[in-house]
Amino acid sequence: MAQLVHNYLDKLDELEDVIKGNADNILGAIDLDELLKDPEGYLLALGDSFLKEHMDEIEQASKEGKKFAEAILKKL
């Protein structure tokens, strides 16, 4: 069972690394003039864009969670 948990966490770490790597890049892409014009709207649009860009990783994490839960239930 410990190996099952370890494998699951490794997969999530890989997905998290992809997202974190891209999150660091987003700071350089911020247009300060646009941010100052409409901070809330700009940040919402930026966050929405980031979310759309990473939907594959989010969906993969969801699938991994379901597979992990099913594997745990089989072991019980």
N, C-alpha and C. Protein backbone atom coordinates (compact mmCIF):
# COMPACT_ATOMS: atom_id res chain seq x y z
N MET A 1 0.83 -1.19 0.00
CA MET A 1 0.00 0.00 0.00
C MET A 1 0.88 1.25 0.00
N ALA A 2 2.01 1.19 0.71
CA ALA A 2 2.90 2.35 0.76
C ALA A 2 3.41 2.71 -0.63
N GLN A 3 3.70 1.70 -1.44
CA GLN A 3 4.18 1.95 -2.80
C GLN A 3 3.10 2.62 -3.65
N LEU A 4 1.86 2.23 -3.43
CA LEU A 4 0.73 2.83 -4.14
C LEU A 4 0.64 4.33 -3.83
N VAL A 5 0.77 4.68 -2.57
CA VAL A 5 0.73 6.09 -2.15
C VAL A 5 1.92 6.83 -2.73
N HIS A 6 3.08 6.21 -2.66
CA HIS A 6 4.30 6.84 -3.18
C HIS A 6 4.17 7.13 -4.68
N ASN A 7 3.68 6.18 -5.44
CA ASN A 7 3.51 6.37 -6.89
C ASN A 7 2.51 7.48 -7.19
N TYR A 8 1.45 7.51 -6.43
CA TYR A 8 0.42 8.55 -6.61
C TYR A 8 1.01 9.93 -6.36
N LEU A 9 1.75 10.07 -5.27
CA LEU A 9 2.34 11.36 -4.95
C LEU A 9 3.40 11.77 -5.97
N ASP A 10 4.14 10.82 -6.50
CA ASP A 10 5.12 11.12 -7.54
C ASP A 10 4.44 11.69 -8.79
N LYS A 11 3.32 11.10 -9.18
CA LYS A 11 2.59 11.59 -10.35
C LYS A 11 2.07 13.01 -10.12
N LEU A 12 1.56 13.25 -8.93
CA LEU A 12 1.07 14.60 -8.62
C LEU A 12 2.21 15.61 -8.58
N ASP A 13 3.36 15.20 -8.07
CA ASP A 13 4.53 16.08 -8.05
C ASP A 13 4.96 16.48 -9.46
N GLU A 14 4.90 15.53 -10.39
CA GLU A 14 5.27 15.83 -11.78
C GLU A 14 4.33 16.88 -12.37
N LEU A 15 3.03 16.70 -12.14
CA LEU A 15 2.05 17.66 -12.66
C LEU A 15 2.23 19.03 -12.00
N GLU A 16 2.51 19.02 -10.72
CA GLU A 16 2.72 20.27 -9.99
C GLU A 16 3.96 21.01 -10.50
N ASP A 17 5.00 20.28 -10.84
CA ASP A 17 6.22 20.91 -11.36
C ASP A 17 5.96 21.63 -12.68
N VAL A 18 5.13 21.03 -13.53
CA VAL A 18 4.79 21.67 -14.81
C VAL A 18 4.07 22.99 -14.55
N ILE A 19 3.10 22.95 -13.67
CA ILE A 19 2.31 24.15 -13.39
C ILE A 19 3.16 25.22 -12.70
N LYS A 20 3.98 24.82 -11.73
CA LYS A 20 4.83 25.78 -11.04
C LYS A 20 5.83 26.43 -12.00
N GLY A 21 6.38 25.65 -12.92
CA GLY A 21 7.32 26.19 -13.89
C GLY A 21 6.68 27.27 -14.75
N ASN A 22 5.46 27.04 -15.15
CA ASN A 22 4.75 28.03 -15.95
C ASN A 22 4.29 29.22 -15.12
N ALA A 23 4.01 29.00 -13.85
CA ALA A 23 3.60 30.10 -12.98
C ALA A 23 4.74 31.10 -12.81
N ASP A 24 5.96 30.61 -12.75
CA ASP A 24 7.10 31.51 -12.64
C ASP A 24 7.26 32.36 -13.89
N ASN A 25 6.92 31.81 -15.04
CA ASN A 25 7.03 32.55 -16.30
C ASN A 25 5.98 33.64 -16.44
N ILE A 26 4.87 33.49 -15.76
CA ILE A 26 3.77 34.45 -15.92
C ILE A 26 4.13 35.82 -15.35
N LEU A 27 5.01 35.83 -14.36
CA LEU A 27 5.38 37.12 -13.76
C LEU A 27 6.02 38.06 -14.78
N GLY A 28 6.80 37.52 -15.68
CA GLY A 28 7.44 38.34 -16.70
C GLY A 28 6.47 38.82 -17.77
N ALA A 29 5.33 38.18 -17.86
CA ALA A 29 4.35 38.52 -18.89
C ALA A 29 3.34 39.57 -18.43
N ILE A 30 3.40 39.97 -17.20
CA ILE A 30 2.42 40.94 -16.67
C ILE A 30 2.69 42.33 -17.25
N ASP A 31 1.67 42.91 -17.82
CA ASP A 31 1.73 44.27 -18.37
C ASP A 31 1.27 45.22 -17.26
N LEU A 32 2.22 45.92 -16.67
CA LEU A 32 1.90 46.78 -15.53
C LEU A 32 0.91 47.89 -15.88
N ASP A 33 0.99 48.43 -17.08
CA ASP A 33 0.04 49.48 -17.48
C ASP A 33 -1.39 48.94 -17.47
N GLU A 34 -1.58 47.76 -18.04
CA GLU A 34 -2.91 47.14 -18.06
C GLU A 34 -3.36 46.77 -16.65
N LEU A 35 -2.43 46.30 -15.85
CA LEU A 35 -2.74 45.94 -14.47
C LEU A 35 -3.24 47.15 -13.68
N LEU A 36 -2.59 48.28 -13.87
CA LEU A 36 -2.98 49.48 -13.15
C LEU A 36 -4.31 50.07 -13.63
N LYS A 37 -4.64 49.86 -14.90
CA LYS A 37 -5.92 50.36 -15.44
C LYS A 37 -7.11 49.67 -14.78
N ASP A 38 -7.01 48.35 -14.65
CA ASP A 38 -8.12 47.55 -14.11
C ASP A 38 -7.53 46.32 -13.40
N PRO A 39 -7.05 46.50 -12.18
CA PRO A 39 -6.37 45.40 -11.49
C PRO A 39 -7.22 44.12 -11.37
N GLU A 40 -8.46 44.27 -10.96
CA GLU A 40 -9.30 43.09 -10.76
C GLU A 40 -9.56 42.37 -12.08
N GLY A 41 -9.97 43.13 -13.09
CA GLY A 41 -10.27 42.53 -14.40
C GLY A 41 -9.03 41.89 -15.02
N TYR A 42 -7.92 42.58 -14.91
CA TYR A 42 -6.67 42.08 -15.50
C TYR A 42 -6.25 40.78 -14.82
N LEU A 43 -6.28 40.77 -13.49
CA LEU A 43 -5.87 39.56 -12.77
C LEU A 43 -6.84 38.40 -12.98
N LEU A 44 -8.13 38.70 -13.09
CA LEU A 44 -9.10 37.65 -13.39
C LEU A 44 -8.85 37.06 -14.77
N ALA A 45 -8.58 37.91 -15.75
CA ALA A 45 -8.30 37.43 -17.10
C ALA A 45 -7.00 36.63 -17.13
N LEU A 46 -6.00 37.09 -16.42
CA LEU A 46 -4.72 36.39 -16.35
C LEU A 46 -4.89 35.02 -15.69
N GLY A 47 -5.63 34.98 -14.60
CA GLY A 47 -5.89 33.71 -13.91
C GLY A 47 -6.70 32.76 -14.77
N ASP A 48 -7.69 33.28 -15.47
CA ASP A 48 -8.51 32.46 -16.36
C ASP A 48 -7.67 31.88 -17.49
N SER A 49 -6.80 32.68 -18.03
CA SER A 49 -5.92 32.22 -19.11
C SER A 49 -4.98 31.13 -18.60
N PHE A 50 -4.43 31.32 -17.41
CA PHE A 50 -3.53 30.34 -16.81
C PHE A 50 -4.27 29.03 -16.56
N LEU A 51 -5.50 29.12 -16.07
CA LEU A 51 -6.31 27.93 -15.81
C LEU A 51 -6.59 27.17 -17.11
N LYS A 52 -6.98 27.89 -18.15
CA LYS A 52 -7.26 27.24 -19.43
C LYS A 52 -6.02 26.57 -20.00
N GLU A 53 -4.87 27.19 -19.79
CA GLU A 53 -3.62 26.65 -20.30
C GLU A 53 -3.23 25.36 -19.59
N HIS A 54 -3.72 25.17 -18.36
CA HIS A 54 -3.32 24.01 -17.57
C HIS A 54 -4.46 23.03 -17.30
N MET A 55 -5.51 23.10 -18.08
CA MET A 55 -6.63 22.18 -17.89
C MET A 55 -6.20 20.72 -18.08
N ASP A 56 -5.28 20.46 -18.99
CA ASP A 56 -4.82 19.08 -19.19
C ASP A 56 -4.19 18.52 -17.91
N GLU A 57 -3.35 19.31 -17.26
CA GLU A 57 -2.71 18.87 -16.03
C GLU A 57 -3.73 18.70 -14.90
N ILE A 58 -4.70 19.59 -14.84
CA ILE A 58 -5.73 19.50 -13.81
C ILE A 58 -6.60 18.26 -14.02
N GLU A 59 -6.97 18.00 -15.27
CA GLU A 59 -7.76 16.82 -15.57
C GLU A 59 -6.97 15.55 -15.29
N GLN A 60 -5.68 15.56 -15.62
CA GLN A 60 -4.84 14.40 -15.36
C GLN A 60 -4.74 14.15 -13.86
N ALA A 61 -4.60 15.20 -13.06
CA ALA A 61 -4.55 15.05 -11.60
C ALA A 61 -5.85 14.47 -11.07
N SER A 62 -6.97 14.89 -11.64
CA SER A 62 -8.26 14.35 -11.24
C SER A 62 -8.35 12.86 -11.55
N LYS A 63 -7.89 12.47 -12.73
CA LYS A 63 -7.90 11.06 -13.12
C LYS A 63 -7.00 10.25 -12.20
N GLU A 64 -5.84 10.79 -11.88
CA GLU A 64 -4.91 10.09 -10.98
C GLU A 64 -5.56 9.90 -9.61
N GLY A 65 -6.27 10.90 -9.14
CA GLY A 65 -6.95 10.80 -7.85
C GLY A 65 -8.01 9.72 -7.86
N LYS A 66 -8.76 9.63 -8.94
CA LYS A 66 -9.79 8.59 -9.05
C LYS A 66 -9.17 7.20 -9.11
N LYS A 67 -8.09 7.06 -9.89
CA LYS A 67 -7.41 5.77 -9.97
C LYS A 67 -6.85 5.37 -8.61
N PHE A 68 -6.29 6.35 -7.89
CA PHE A 68 -5.73 6.08 -6.57
C PHE A 68 -6.83 5.64 -5.61
N ALA A 69 -7.96 6.34 -5.62
CA ALA A 69 -9.07 5.99 -4.74
C ALA A 69 -9.59 4.59 -5.04
N GLU A 70 -9.72 4.26 -6.33
CA GLU A 70 -10.18 2.92 -6.70
C GLU A 70 -9.20 1.85 -6.24
N ALA A 71 -7.91 2.11 -6.39
CA ALA A 71 -6.90 1.15 -5.96
C ALA A 71 -6.94 0.96 -4.45
N ILE A 72 -7.14 2.03 -3.69
CA ILE A 72 -7.23 1.94 -2.24
C ILE A 72 -8.47 1.10 -1.84
N LEU A 73 -9.59 1.38 -2.49
CA LEU A 73 -10.81 0.65 -2.17
C LEU A 73 -10.67 -0.84 -2.47
N LYS A 74 -9.94 -1.19 -3.52
CA LYS A 74 -9.72 -2.60 -3.85
C LYS A 74 -8.89 -3.30 -2.76
N LYS A 75 -7.99 -2.55 -2.15
CA LYS A 75 -7.11 -3.13 -1.13
C LYS A 75 -7.81 -3.30 0.22
N LEU A 76 -8.92 -2.59 0.41
CA LEU A 76 -9.62 -2.67 1.71
C LEU A 76 -10.45 -3.91 1.83
